[in-house]
N, C-alpha and C. Protein backbone atom coordinates (compact mmCIF):
# COMPACT_ATOMS: atom_id res chain seq x y z
N UNK A 1 165.46 -135.86 85.66
CA UNK A 1 165.36 -136.59 84.38
C UNK A 1 163.93 -136.57 83.85
N UNK A 2 162.96 -136.75 84.79
CA UNK A 2 161.55 -136.74 84.39
C UNK A 2 161.18 -135.38 83.81
N UNK A 3 161.74 -134.32 84.43
CA UNK A 3 161.43 -132.97 83.94
C UNK A 3 161.97 -132.77 82.52
N UNK A 4 163.19 -133.33 82.29
CA UNK A 4 163.78 -133.19 80.95
C UNK A 4 162.93 -133.92 79.91
N UNK A 5 162.46 -135.14 80.28
CA UNK A 5 161.61 -135.90 79.35
C UNK A 5 160.29 -135.15 79.09
N UNK A 6 159.75 -134.58 80.14
CA UNK A 6 158.49 -133.84 79.97
C UNK A 6 158.68 -132.64 79.05
N UNK A 7 159.80 -131.94 79.26
CA UNK A 7 160.08 -130.78 78.41
C UNK A 7 160.28 -131.21 76.96
N UNK A 8 161.03 -132.32 76.77
CA UNK A 8 161.24 -132.83 75.40
C UNK A 8 159.93 -133.24 74.76
N UNK A 9 159.05 -133.88 75.53
CA UNK A 9 157.75 -134.30 74.99
C UNK A 9 156.92 -133.09 74.58
N UNK A 10 156.90 -132.07 75.41
CA UNK A 10 156.15 -130.86 75.09
C UNK A 10 156.73 -130.17 73.86
N UNK A 11 158.06 -130.16 73.78
CA UNK A 11 158.70 -129.54 72.63
C UNK A 11 158.36 -130.27 71.34
N UNK A 12 158.39 -131.61 71.39
CA UNK A 12 158.04 -132.40 70.22
C UNK A 12 156.56 -132.19 69.83
N UNK A 13 155.69 -132.11 70.85
CA UNK A 13 154.28 -131.87 70.58
C UNK A 13 154.07 -130.50 69.93
N UNK A 14 154.83 -129.52 70.42
CA UNK A 14 154.74 -128.17 69.87
C UNK A 14 155.18 -128.14 68.41
N UNK A 15 156.32 -128.80 68.14
CA UNK A 15 156.83 -128.84 66.78
C UNK A 15 155.88 -129.59 65.84
N UNK A 16 155.20 -130.61 66.39
CA UNK A 16 154.29 -131.39 65.57
C UNK A 16 153.03 -130.60 65.23
N UNK A 17 152.57 -129.77 66.15
CA UNK A 17 151.33 -129.01 65.92
C UNK A 17 151.57 -127.64 65.30
N UNK A 18 152.83 -127.19 65.28
CA UNK A 18 153.12 -125.86 64.75
C UNK A 18 152.69 -125.68 63.30
N UNK A 19 152.95 -126.64 62.39
CA UNK A 19 152.50 -126.45 61.01
C UNK A 19 150.99 -126.26 60.89
N UNK A 20 150.23 -127.00 61.71
CA UNK A 20 148.77 -126.85 61.66
C UNK A 20 148.34 -125.47 62.11
N UNK A 21 148.98 -124.98 63.18
CA UNK A 21 148.66 -123.65 63.69
C UNK A 21 148.99 -122.58 62.65
N UNK A 22 150.19 -122.70 62.05
CA UNK A 22 150.59 -121.73 61.03
C UNK A 22 149.67 -121.78 59.82
N UNK A 23 149.26 -123.00 59.45
CA UNK A 23 148.35 -123.14 58.32
C UNK A 23 147.01 -122.47 58.60
N UNK A 24 146.50 -122.66 59.84
CA UNK A 24 145.24 -122.03 60.20
C UNK A 24 145.36 -120.50 60.19
N UNK A 25 146.51 -120.00 60.71
CA UNK A 25 146.72 -118.55 60.70
C UNK A 25 146.83 -118.01 59.27
N UNK A 26 147.52 -118.79 58.41
CA UNK A 26 147.64 -118.36 57.01
C UNK A 26 146.28 -118.34 56.32
N UNK A 27 145.46 -119.38 56.61
CA UNK A 27 144.13 -119.42 56.02
C UNK A 27 143.28 -118.26 56.51
N UNK A 28 143.38 -117.95 57.82
CA UNK A 28 142.62 -116.82 58.36
C UNK A 28 143.09 -115.51 57.74
N UNK A 29 144.42 -115.36 57.59
CA UNK A 29 144.94 -114.15 56.96
C UNK A 29 144.50 -114.02 55.52
N UNK A 30 144.51 -115.14 54.79
CA UNK A 30 144.06 -115.11 53.40
C UNK A 30 142.58 -114.78 53.32
N UNK A 31 141.78 -115.33 54.26
CA UNK A 31 140.35 -115.03 54.27
C UNK A 31 140.11 -113.55 54.55
N UNK A 32 140.88 -112.98 55.50
CA UNK A 32 140.73 -111.55 55.79
C UNK A 32 141.11 -110.71 54.58
N UNK A 33 142.21 -111.09 53.90
CA UNK A 33 142.63 -110.35 52.71
C UNK A 33 141.57 -110.44 51.61
N UNK A 34 140.99 -111.63 51.43
CA UNK A 34 139.96 -111.80 50.41
C UNK A 34 138.74 -110.96 50.73
N UNK A 35 138.33 -110.93 52.01
CA UNK A 35 137.17 -110.14 52.41
C UNK A 35 137.42 -108.65 52.16
N UNK A 36 138.64 -108.20 52.48
CA UNK A 36 138.99 -106.80 52.24
C UNK A 36 138.98 -106.48 50.76
N UNK A 37 139.52 -107.38 49.94
CA UNK A 37 139.55 -107.17 48.50
C UNK A 37 138.15 -107.12 47.91
N UNK A 38 137.27 -108.01 48.36
CA UNK A 38 135.89 -108.02 47.87
C UNK A 38 135.20 -106.70 48.19
N UNK A 39 135.40 -106.20 49.41
CA UNK A 39 134.79 -104.92 49.79
C UNK A 39 135.34 -103.78 48.94
N UNK A 40 136.63 -103.80 48.64
CA UNK A 40 137.21 -102.75 47.82
C UNK A 40 136.67 -102.79 46.40
N UNK A 41 136.49 -104.00 45.84
CA UNK A 41 135.97 -104.14 44.49
C UNK A 41 134.55 -103.57 44.40
N UNK A 42 133.76 -103.77 45.45
CA UNK A 42 132.38 -103.32 45.45
C UNK A 42 132.23 -101.85 45.85
N UNK A 43 133.34 -101.21 46.23
CA UNK A 43 133.33 -99.81 46.63
C UNK A 43 133.75 -98.94 45.45
N UNK A 44 132.86 -98.09 44.92
CA UNK A 44 133.20 -97.29 43.73
C UNK A 44 134.33 -96.29 43.96
N UNK A 45 134.62 -95.93 45.23
CA UNK A 45 135.67 -94.95 45.51
C UNK A 45 136.80 -95.56 46.33
N UNK A 46 137.01 -96.87 46.20
CA UNK A 46 138.11 -97.52 46.90
C UNK A 46 139.43 -97.19 46.22
N UNK A 47 140.50 -97.23 46.99
CA UNK A 47 141.84 -96.97 46.45
C UNK A 47 142.37 -98.24 45.80
N UNK A 48 141.76 -98.60 44.68
CA UNK A 48 142.08 -99.85 44.01
C UNK A 48 141.93 -99.67 42.51
N UNK A 49 142.97 -99.98 41.75
CA UNK A 49 142.89 -99.91 40.29
C UNK A 49 142.12 -101.13 39.77
N UNK A 50 141.13 -100.88 38.94
CA UNK A 50 140.35 -101.98 38.37
C UNK A 50 139.84 -101.57 36.99
N UNK A 51 139.53 -102.57 36.17
CA UNK A 51 138.99 -102.33 34.83
C UNK A 51 137.80 -103.27 34.62
N UNK A 52 136.65 -102.94 35.18
CA UNK A 52 135.48 -103.80 34.98
C UNK A 52 134.86 -103.61 33.60
N UNK A 53 134.19 -104.65 33.13
CA UNK A 53 133.45 -104.61 31.88
C UNK A 53 131.98 -104.91 32.19
N UNK A 54 131.09 -104.14 31.59
CA UNK A 54 129.65 -104.33 31.80
C UNK A 54 128.96 -104.38 30.44
N UNK A 55 128.17 -105.42 30.22
CA UNK A 55 127.48 -105.56 28.95
C UNK A 55 125.97 -105.48 29.17
N UNK A 56 125.32 -104.61 28.38
CA UNK A 56 123.87 -104.43 28.46
C UNK A 56 123.25 -104.73 27.09
N UNK A 57 122.26 -105.61 27.08
CA UNK A 57 121.54 -105.96 25.86
C UNK A 57 120.11 -105.49 25.98
N UNK A 58 119.70 -104.58 25.09
CA UNK A 58 118.34 -104.07 25.07
C UNK A 58 117.58 -104.71 23.91
N UNK A 59 116.48 -105.39 24.26
CA UNK A 59 115.71 -106.12 23.24
C UNK A 59 114.31 -106.40 23.80
N UNK A 60 113.26 -106.32 23.02
CA UNK A 60 113.20 -105.83 21.64
C UNK A 60 112.98 -104.32 21.60
N UNK A 61 113.37 -103.70 20.49
CA UNK A 61 113.22 -102.26 20.31
C UNK A 61 112.42 -102.01 19.04
N UNK A 62 111.35 -101.22 19.15
CA UNK A 62 110.57 -100.83 17.99
C UNK A 62 109.69 -101.93 17.44
N UNK A 63 108.97 -101.58 16.40
CA UNK A 63 108.03 -102.53 15.80
C UNK A 63 108.72 -103.64 15.04
N UNK A 64 110.02 -103.48 14.75
CA UNK A 64 110.77 -104.51 14.05
C UNK A 64 111.58 -105.39 15.01
N UNK A 65 111.33 -105.25 16.32
CA UNK A 65 112.00 -106.04 17.37
C UNK A 65 113.52 -106.08 17.18
N UNK A 66 114.10 -104.90 17.09
CA UNK A 66 115.55 -104.78 16.93
C UNK A 66 116.24 -104.82 18.30
N UNK A 67 117.57 -104.83 18.31
CA UNK A 67 118.30 -104.88 19.57
C UNK A 67 119.41 -103.84 19.57
N UNK A 68 119.89 -103.55 20.77
CA UNK A 68 121.06 -102.69 20.97
C UNK A 68 121.94 -103.34 22.03
N UNK A 69 123.20 -103.56 21.72
CA UNK A 69 124.16 -104.15 22.65
C UNK A 69 125.21 -103.09 23.00
N UNK A 70 125.39 -102.86 24.31
CA UNK A 70 126.34 -101.84 24.77
C UNK A 70 127.33 -102.48 25.73
N UNK A 71 128.60 -102.49 25.36
CA UNK A 71 129.66 -102.97 26.22
C UNK A 71 130.36 -101.75 26.82
N UNK A 72 130.26 -101.60 28.15
CA UNK A 72 130.88 -100.47 28.85
C UNK A 72 132.24 -100.90 29.40
N UNK A 73 133.29 -100.22 28.96
CA UNK A 73 134.63 -100.40 29.52
C UNK A 73 134.83 -99.33 30.57
N UNK A 74 135.07 -99.73 31.83
CA UNK A 74 134.99 -98.80 32.96
C UNK A 74 136.25 -98.83 33.83
N UNK A 75 137.36 -98.30 33.36
CA UNK A 75 138.57 -98.29 34.21
C UNK A 75 138.42 -97.32 35.39
N UNK A 76 138.95 -97.74 36.53
CA UNK A 76 138.95 -96.94 37.75
C UNK A 76 140.40 -96.77 38.20
N UNK A 77 140.86 -95.51 38.31
CA UNK A 77 142.25 -95.22 38.67
C UNK A 77 142.27 -94.26 39.85
N UNK A 78 142.72 -94.70 41.04
CA UNK A 78 142.79 -93.80 42.20
C UNK A 78 144.17 -93.14 42.31
N UNK A 79 144.18 -92.00 43.00
CA UNK A 79 145.43 -91.27 43.26
C UNK A 79 145.35 -90.64 44.64
N UNK A 80 146.36 -90.88 45.47
CA UNK A 80 146.38 -90.33 46.81
C UNK A 80 146.85 -88.88 46.81
N UNK A 81 146.08 -88.03 47.51
CA UNK A 81 146.44 -86.62 47.67
C UNK A 81 146.33 -86.28 49.15
N UNK A 82 147.37 -86.53 49.90
CA UNK A 82 147.34 -86.27 51.34
C UNK A 82 146.31 -87.15 52.03
N UNK A 83 145.34 -86.51 52.68
CA UNK A 83 144.29 -87.24 53.39
C UNK A 83 143.09 -87.55 52.50
N UNK A 84 143.27 -87.35 51.21
CA UNK A 84 142.17 -87.58 50.27
C UNK A 84 142.61 -88.53 49.15
N UNK A 85 141.63 -89.15 48.54
CA UNK A 85 141.83 -89.95 47.34
C UNK A 85 141.08 -89.31 46.18
N UNK A 86 141.74 -89.18 45.05
CA UNK A 86 141.09 -88.72 43.82
C UNK A 86 140.90 -89.94 42.94
N UNK A 87 139.64 -90.32 42.74
CA UNK A 87 139.32 -91.51 41.97
C UNK A 87 138.75 -91.10 40.62
N UNK A 88 139.40 -91.54 39.56
CA UNK A 88 138.93 -91.26 38.20
C UNK A 88 138.20 -92.48 37.67
N UNK A 89 136.93 -92.29 37.33
CA UNK A 89 136.10 -93.38 36.79
C UNK A 89 135.64 -92.98 35.39
N UNK A 90 136.01 -93.77 34.41
CA UNK A 90 135.64 -93.49 33.02
C UNK A 90 134.74 -94.61 32.51
N UNK A 91 133.80 -94.25 31.65
CA UNK A 91 132.92 -95.22 31.00
C UNK A 91 132.96 -94.96 29.51
N UNK A 92 133.50 -95.92 28.77
CA UNK A 92 133.56 -95.82 27.31
C UNK A 92 132.67 -96.92 26.72
N UNK A 93 131.53 -96.56 26.13
CA UNK A 93 130.63 -97.58 25.57
C UNK A 93 131.04 -97.99 24.16
N UNK A 94 131.03 -99.29 23.93
CA UNK A 94 131.19 -99.86 22.58
C UNK A 94 129.82 -100.38 22.17
N UNK A 95 129.23 -99.79 21.15
CA UNK A 95 127.81 -100.00 20.84
C UNK A 95 127.65 -100.74 19.51
N UNK A 96 126.76 -101.70 19.53
CA UNK A 96 126.30 -102.36 18.30
C UNK A 96 124.79 -102.18 18.26
N UNK A 97 124.33 -101.34 17.33
CA UNK A 97 122.94 -100.88 17.34
C UNK A 97 122.26 -101.16 16.01
N UNK A 98 121.16 -101.90 16.07
CA UNK A 98 120.36 -102.11 14.87
C UNK A 98 119.39 -100.93 14.69
N UNK A 99 119.07 -100.66 13.46
CA UNK A 99 118.14 -99.57 13.15
C UNK A 99 116.74 -99.95 13.64
N UNK A 100 116.18 -99.21 14.61
CA UNK A 100 114.86 -99.57 15.13
C UNK A 100 113.71 -99.19 14.21
N UNK A 101 113.99 -98.42 13.13
CA UNK A 101 112.93 -97.93 12.25
C UNK A 101 112.81 -98.70 10.95
N UNK A 102 113.60 -99.78 10.82
CA UNK A 102 113.51 -100.58 9.60
C UNK A 102 113.91 -102.01 9.93
N UNK A 103 113.72 -102.90 8.96
CA UNK A 103 114.04 -104.32 9.16
C UNK A 103 115.51 -104.63 8.94
N UNK A 104 116.28 -103.67 8.48
CA UNK A 104 117.70 -103.89 8.24
C UNK A 104 118.52 -102.68 8.65
N UNK A 105 119.83 -102.88 8.65
CA UNK A 105 120.72 -101.77 8.99
C UNK A 105 121.27 -101.88 10.39
N UNK A 106 122.59 -101.80 10.52
CA UNK A 106 123.26 -101.88 11.81
C UNK A 106 124.37 -100.86 11.85
N UNK A 107 124.55 -100.21 12.98
CA UNK A 107 125.64 -99.26 13.17
C UNK A 107 126.42 -99.68 14.42
N UNK A 108 127.72 -99.81 14.30
CA UNK A 108 128.57 -100.21 15.42
C UNK A 108 129.71 -99.21 15.57
N UNK A 109 130.14 -98.99 16.80
CA UNK A 109 131.24 -98.07 17.05
C UNK A 109 131.27 -97.63 18.50
N UNK A 110 131.99 -96.55 18.76
CA UNK A 110 132.12 -96.02 20.11
C UNK A 110 131.02 -95.01 20.40
N UNK A 111 130.57 -94.97 21.65
CA UNK A 111 129.64 -93.95 22.11
C UNK A 111 130.38 -92.81 22.79
N UNK A 112 129.65 -91.95 23.46
CA UNK A 112 130.26 -90.81 24.16
C UNK A 112 130.95 -91.26 25.44
N UNK A 113 132.11 -90.67 25.71
CA UNK A 113 132.88 -90.98 26.90
C UNK A 113 132.35 -90.20 28.09
N UNK A 114 132.17 -90.88 29.21
CA UNK A 114 131.73 -90.25 30.45
C UNK A 114 132.83 -90.43 31.50
N UNK A 115 133.35 -89.31 32.02
CA UNK A 115 134.44 -89.35 32.99
C UNK A 115 134.00 -88.64 34.28
N UNK A 116 134.21 -89.29 35.42
CA UNK A 116 133.85 -88.71 36.72
C UNK A 116 135.09 -88.69 37.61
N UNK A 117 135.27 -87.58 38.31
CA UNK A 117 136.38 -87.43 39.27
C UNK A 117 135.78 -87.33 40.67
N UNK A 118 136.02 -88.35 41.49
CA UNK A 118 135.51 -88.36 42.86
C UNK A 118 136.63 -88.00 43.84
N UNK A 119 136.35 -87.05 44.73
CA UNK A 119 137.25 -86.74 45.84
C UNK A 119 136.66 -87.38 47.08
N UNK A 120 137.43 -88.29 47.70
CA UNK A 120 136.92 -89.09 48.81
C UNK A 120 137.96 -89.16 49.93
N UNK A 121 137.54 -89.16 51.20
CA UNK A 121 138.51 -89.28 52.31
C UNK A 121 139.30 -90.58 52.22
N UNK A 122 140.61 -90.48 52.46
CA UNK A 122 141.46 -91.68 52.42
C UNK A 122 141.12 -92.63 53.57
N UNK A 123 140.66 -92.08 54.69
CA UNK A 123 140.25 -92.89 55.84
C UNK A 123 138.80 -92.54 56.18
N UNK A 124 137.86 -93.13 55.47
CA UNK A 124 136.46 -92.78 55.68
C UNK A 124 135.93 -93.37 56.98
N UNK A 125 134.80 -92.82 57.43
CA UNK A 125 134.12 -93.35 58.60
C UNK A 125 133.16 -94.44 58.21
N UNK A 126 132.08 -94.55 58.95
CA UNK A 126 131.10 -95.61 58.67
C UNK A 126 130.45 -95.39 57.31
N UNK A 127 130.21 -94.13 56.97
CA UNK A 127 129.66 -93.81 55.65
C UNK A 127 130.80 -93.42 54.72
N UNK A 128 130.95 -94.16 53.63
CA UNK A 128 131.97 -93.88 52.63
C UNK A 128 131.34 -93.01 51.55
N UNK A 129 131.98 -91.90 51.20
CA UNK A 129 131.37 -90.98 50.25
C UNK A 129 132.43 -90.37 49.34
N UNK A 130 131.94 -89.79 48.26
CA UNK A 130 132.80 -89.10 47.31
C UNK A 130 131.98 -88.12 46.50
N UNK A 131 132.57 -86.99 46.16
CA UNK A 131 131.89 -85.98 45.34
C UNK A 131 132.87 -85.47 44.29
N UNK A 132 132.32 -84.96 43.19
CA UNK A 132 133.18 -84.41 42.14
C UNK A 132 132.41 -84.14 40.88
N UNK A 133 133.10 -83.68 39.85
CA UNK A 133 132.45 -83.38 38.58
C UNK A 133 132.36 -84.60 37.67
N UNK A 134 131.32 -84.61 36.85
CA UNK A 134 131.15 -85.61 35.79
C UNK A 134 131.20 -84.90 34.44
N UNK A 135 131.92 -85.47 33.49
CA UNK A 135 132.11 -84.84 32.19
C UNK A 135 131.59 -85.75 31.08
N UNK A 136 131.00 -85.13 30.08
CA UNK A 136 130.55 -85.83 28.88
C UNK A 136 131.42 -85.38 27.71
N UNK A 137 132.09 -86.33 27.06
CA UNK A 137 133.00 -86.04 25.95
C UNK A 137 132.45 -86.69 24.68
N UNK A 138 132.24 -85.92 23.61
CA UNK A 138 131.63 -86.48 22.40
C UNK A 138 132.62 -87.31 21.58
N UNK A 139 132.79 -88.55 21.96
CA UNK A 139 133.72 -89.45 21.27
C UNK A 139 133.00 -90.41 20.33
N UNK A 140 131.69 -90.28 20.17
CA UNK A 140 130.92 -91.21 19.33
C UNK A 140 131.43 -91.18 17.90
N UNK A 141 131.52 -92.36 17.31
CA UNK A 141 132.02 -92.48 15.94
C UNK A 141 130.91 -92.39 14.89
N UNK A 142 129.66 -92.25 15.33
CA UNK A 142 128.53 -92.07 14.41
C UNK A 142 127.46 -91.24 15.12
N UNK A 143 126.68 -90.51 14.34
CA UNK A 143 125.69 -89.61 14.93
C UNK A 143 124.66 -90.34 15.78
N UNK A 144 124.28 -91.54 15.37
CA UNK A 144 123.25 -92.28 16.11
C UNK A 144 123.80 -92.92 17.38
N UNK A 145 125.10 -92.86 17.60
CA UNK A 145 125.71 -93.48 18.78
C UNK A 145 126.05 -92.48 19.87
N UNK A 146 125.84 -91.19 19.63
CA UNK A 146 126.20 -90.19 20.64
C UNK A 146 125.35 -88.95 20.53
N UNK A 147 125.75 -87.92 21.28
CA UNK A 147 124.97 -86.68 21.35
C UNK A 147 125.63 -85.53 20.61
N UNK A 148 126.91 -85.66 20.25
CA UNK A 148 127.67 -84.58 19.62
C UNK A 148 127.68 -83.34 20.51
N UNK A 149 127.74 -83.54 21.83
CA UNK A 149 127.72 -82.44 22.80
C UNK A 149 128.78 -82.66 23.87
N UNK A 150 129.34 -81.53 24.35
CA UNK A 150 130.16 -81.52 25.56
C UNK A 150 129.25 -81.22 26.74
N UNK A 151 129.46 -81.91 27.86
CA UNK A 151 128.60 -81.69 29.01
C UNK A 151 129.36 -81.82 30.32
N UNK A 152 128.76 -81.31 31.39
CA UNK A 152 129.36 -81.39 32.72
C UNK A 152 128.27 -81.27 33.77
N UNK A 153 128.59 -81.70 34.97
CA UNK A 153 127.65 -81.61 36.07
C UNK A 153 128.20 -82.26 37.33
N UNK A 154 127.47 -82.19 38.44
CA UNK A 154 127.94 -82.76 39.70
C UNK A 154 127.65 -84.26 39.80
N UNK A 155 128.46 -84.93 40.60
CA UNK A 155 128.27 -86.36 40.85
C UNK A 155 128.57 -86.65 42.31
N UNK A 156 127.81 -87.56 42.90
CA UNK A 156 128.00 -87.92 44.31
C UNK A 156 127.75 -89.41 44.48
N UNK A 157 128.50 -90.03 45.37
CA UNK A 157 128.31 -91.44 45.70
C UNK A 157 128.43 -91.60 47.21
N UNK A 158 127.62 -92.48 47.78
CA UNK A 158 127.65 -92.77 49.21
C UNK A 158 127.29 -94.23 49.43
N UNK A 159 127.96 -94.87 50.38
CA UNK A 159 127.69 -96.27 50.66
C UNK A 159 128.10 -96.63 52.07
N UNK A 160 127.57 -97.74 52.55
CA UNK A 160 127.96 -98.33 53.83
C UNK A 160 128.29 -99.79 53.58
N UNK A 161 129.16 -100.34 54.43
CA UNK A 161 129.57 -101.73 54.28
C UNK A 161 129.51 -102.44 55.62
N UNK A 162 128.29 -102.70 56.12
CA UNK A 162 128.18 -103.52 57.33
C UNK A 162 128.60 -104.95 57.04
N UNK A 163 128.66 -105.77 58.05
CA UNK A 163 129.19 -107.13 57.90
C UNK A 163 128.49 -107.89 56.78
N UNK A 164 129.27 -108.21 55.72
CA UNK A 164 128.75 -109.00 54.63
C UNK A 164 127.93 -108.24 53.60
N UNK A 165 127.80 -106.92 53.76
CA UNK A 165 126.94 -106.15 52.85
C UNK A 165 127.68 -104.95 52.29
N UNK A 166 127.25 -104.54 51.10
CA UNK A 166 127.64 -103.25 50.52
C UNK A 166 126.37 -102.63 49.96
N UNK A 167 125.98 -101.48 50.52
CA UNK A 167 124.73 -100.82 50.14
C UNK A 167 125.03 -99.36 49.86
N UNK A 168 124.62 -98.88 48.68
CA UNK A 168 124.89 -97.48 48.37
C UNK A 168 124.20 -97.03 47.10
N UNK A 169 124.51 -95.80 46.71
CA UNK A 169 123.91 -95.23 45.51
C UNK A 169 124.86 -94.20 44.92
N UNK A 170 124.78 -94.06 43.60
CA UNK A 170 125.56 -93.07 42.86
C UNK A 170 124.60 -92.25 42.02
N UNK A 171 124.79 -90.94 42.00
CA UNK A 171 123.91 -90.07 41.23
C UNK A 171 124.71 -88.95 40.58
N UNK A 172 124.31 -88.57 39.38
CA UNK A 172 124.90 -87.39 38.74
C UNK A 172 123.90 -86.79 37.75
N UNK A 173 124.15 -85.56 37.40
CA UNK A 173 123.35 -84.89 36.37
C UNK A 173 124.30 -84.11 35.46
N UNK A 174 124.12 -84.31 34.16
CA UNK A 174 124.99 -83.68 33.17
C UNK A 174 124.15 -82.77 32.27
N UNK A 175 124.62 -81.52 32.12
CA UNK A 175 124.02 -80.58 31.19
C UNK A 175 125.04 -80.26 30.09
N UNK A 176 124.59 -80.16 28.87
CA UNK A 176 125.50 -79.81 27.77
C UNK A 176 125.77 -78.32 27.79
N UNK A 177 127.00 -77.94 27.41
CA UNK A 177 127.37 -76.52 27.35
C UNK A 177 128.02 -76.15 26.02
N UNK A 178 128.31 -77.14 25.19
CA UNK A 178 128.91 -76.87 23.88
C UNK A 178 128.70 -78.09 23.01
N UNK A 179 128.95 -77.92 21.72
CA UNK A 179 128.82 -79.03 20.79
C UNK A 179 128.18 -78.60 19.49
N UNK A 180 128.20 -79.50 18.54
CA UNK A 180 127.70 -79.18 17.22
C UNK A 180 126.21 -79.39 17.10
N UNK A 181 125.62 -78.73 16.13
CA UNK A 181 124.23 -78.98 15.77
C UNK A 181 124.20 -79.99 14.64
N UNK A 182 123.02 -80.32 14.15
CA UNK A 182 122.95 -81.30 13.06
C UNK A 182 123.60 -80.75 11.79
N UNK A 183 123.57 -79.41 11.62
CA UNK A 183 124.20 -78.82 10.44
C UNK A 183 125.72 -78.91 10.54
N UNK A 184 126.24 -78.62 11.74
CA UNK A 184 127.69 -78.70 11.94
C UNK A 184 128.18 -80.14 11.84
N UNK A 185 127.35 -81.08 12.27
CA UNK A 185 127.76 -82.49 12.22
C UNK A 185 127.97 -82.95 10.79
N UNK A 186 127.18 -82.39 9.85
CA UNK A 186 127.34 -82.78 8.46
C UNK A 186 128.71 -82.37 7.91
N UNK A 187 129.32 -81.33 8.52
CA UNK A 187 130.60 -80.86 8.05
C UNK A 187 131.77 -81.65 8.62
N UNK A 188 131.52 -82.50 9.62
CA UNK A 188 132.60 -83.24 10.27
C UNK A 188 132.97 -84.51 9.52
N UNK A 189 132.12 -84.94 8.59
CA UNK A 189 132.39 -86.19 7.89
C UNK A 189 131.90 -87.41 8.63
N UNK A 190 131.17 -87.22 9.77
CA UNK A 190 130.64 -88.37 10.48
C UNK A 190 129.53 -89.02 9.67
N UNK A 191 129.40 -90.35 9.75
CA UNK A 191 128.30 -91.01 9.03
C UNK A 191 126.96 -90.48 9.52
N UNK A 192 126.06 -90.14 8.61
CA UNK A 192 124.77 -89.58 8.96
C UNK A 192 123.65 -90.55 8.57
N UNK A 193 122.57 -90.49 9.32
CA UNK A 193 121.39 -91.27 8.96
C UNK A 193 120.20 -90.33 8.99
N UNK A 194 119.42 -90.33 7.95
CA UNK A 194 118.29 -89.42 7.84
C UNK A 194 116.98 -90.20 7.96
N UNK A 195 116.04 -89.64 8.71
CA UNK A 195 114.71 -90.22 8.87
C UNK A 195 113.72 -89.24 8.28
N UNK A 196 113.06 -89.64 7.19
CA UNK A 196 112.12 -88.76 6.49
C UNK A 196 112.79 -87.44 6.10
N UNK A 197 114.05 -87.53 5.67
CA UNK A 197 114.77 -86.35 5.23
C UNK A 197 115.33 -85.49 6.34
N UNK A 198 115.24 -85.94 7.58
CA UNK A 198 115.71 -85.15 8.73
C UNK A 198 116.83 -85.88 9.45
N UNK A 199 117.92 -85.19 9.74
CA UNK A 199 119.04 -85.79 10.45
C UNK A 199 118.62 -86.17 11.87
N UNK A 200 119.12 -87.30 12.35
CA UNK A 200 118.72 -87.78 13.68
C UNK A 200 119.16 -86.85 14.81
N UNK A 201 120.17 -85.98 14.57
CA UNK A 201 120.55 -85.04 15.62
C UNK A 201 119.38 -84.15 16.01
N UNK A 202 118.54 -83.81 15.05
CA UNK A 202 117.38 -82.98 15.36
C UNK A 202 116.43 -83.74 16.30
N UNK A 203 116.28 -85.04 16.07
CA UNK A 203 115.39 -85.84 16.91
C UNK A 203 115.89 -85.88 18.36
N UNK A 204 117.18 -85.72 18.57
CA UNK A 204 117.74 -85.81 19.91
C UNK A 204 117.70 -84.48 20.65
N UNK A 205 117.27 -83.41 20.01
CA UNK A 205 117.19 -82.12 20.68
C UNK A 205 118.50 -81.36 20.60
N UNK A 206 118.45 -80.11 21.02
CA UNK A 206 119.62 -79.25 20.92
C UNK A 206 120.42 -79.22 22.21
N UNK A 207 119.88 -79.74 23.33
CA UNK A 207 120.56 -79.70 24.61
C UNK A 207 120.52 -81.08 25.27
N UNK A 208 121.48 -81.32 26.16
CA UNK A 208 121.51 -82.55 26.95
C UNK A 208 121.25 -82.21 28.41
N UNK A 209 120.29 -82.89 29.01
CA UNK A 209 120.01 -82.78 30.44
C UNK A 209 119.75 -84.19 30.93
N UNK A 210 120.81 -84.87 31.39
CA UNK A 210 120.76 -86.30 31.67
C UNK A 210 121.00 -86.56 33.16
N UNK A 211 120.02 -87.19 33.81
CA UNK A 211 120.13 -87.55 35.23
C UNK A 211 120.32 -89.06 35.36
N UNK A 212 121.27 -89.46 36.19
CA UNK A 212 121.55 -90.88 36.42
C UNK A 212 121.46 -91.18 37.91
N UNK A 213 120.72 -92.23 38.26
CA UNK A 213 120.68 -92.73 39.64
C UNK A 213 120.90 -94.23 39.58
N UNK A 214 121.98 -94.68 40.20
CA UNK A 214 122.32 -96.11 40.21
C UNK A 214 122.49 -96.56 41.65
N UNK A 215 121.62 -97.44 42.10
CA UNK A 215 121.77 -98.02 43.44
C UNK A 215 122.41 -99.40 43.33
N UNK A 216 123.06 -99.84 44.38
CA UNK A 216 123.68 -101.16 44.36
C UNK A 216 123.59 -101.79 45.74
N UNK A 217 123.27 -103.08 45.76
CA UNK A 217 123.18 -103.86 46.99
C UNK A 217 123.91 -105.18 46.74
N UNK A 218 124.97 -105.42 47.50
CA UNK A 218 125.74 -106.66 47.38
C UNK A 218 125.71 -107.40 48.71
N UNK A 219 125.50 -108.71 48.66
CA UNK A 219 125.55 -109.57 49.84
C UNK A 219 126.64 -110.60 49.62
N UNK A 220 127.65 -110.59 50.48
CA UNK A 220 128.76 -111.55 50.38
C UNK A 220 128.51 -112.71 51.37
N UNK A 221 128.31 -113.90 50.81
CA UNK A 221 128.05 -115.05 51.65
C UNK A 221 129.34 -115.59 52.28
N UNK A 222 129.20 -116.25 53.40
CA UNK A 222 130.35 -116.85 54.07
C UNK A 222 130.96 -117.95 53.20
N UNK A 223 132.27 -118.11 53.32
CA UNK A 223 133.04 -119.11 52.56
C UNK A 223 132.92 -118.88 51.05
N UNK A 224 132.74 -117.62 50.67
CA UNK A 224 132.69 -117.30 49.24
C UNK A 224 131.37 -117.62 48.59
């Protein structure tokens, strides 16, 4: 009889503490999922669909202390290909630009589209990396907002994610290979702006050779 009572007492104690144990396990599982999600968000080549927005305000510009505001819409779309992931990263700038050469005048619209295709291992090691081509597409809605050039070049990204950290860098270089000149741009019907009788396309040169280096360091604190 004593054994039966002891077993019943242990069973009741187990049932009473079971919800607490399950709750702790659920909290630990949720914490692990959150940590994994945070690492994926901070990883440029993670297998995760995301649409981040980045806003850059440049001020002051020129002797008239003008400003330029650039909102970058940056969708990231991954695709699994066997043991590899193909990650498409696009950057579409929405620009609001004041004329830096006068006290008035503003031009707003889309800038040039930049698209990068990263090929990255689906199961990376300690160093996470990706390589692929970067493309420049002349989508600018005004001459002062873009280059009026098609371009391409290599791009590479590498990062590590030790406990609580994400450290890495992304680099690419784009060279133009086609596109209009200032004379051809006048035939497209795009809005033009002339400085001392000269189209601004001339001021930007006839070729694009653009190098980008972006480093990133993220520290994730405990308990968010």
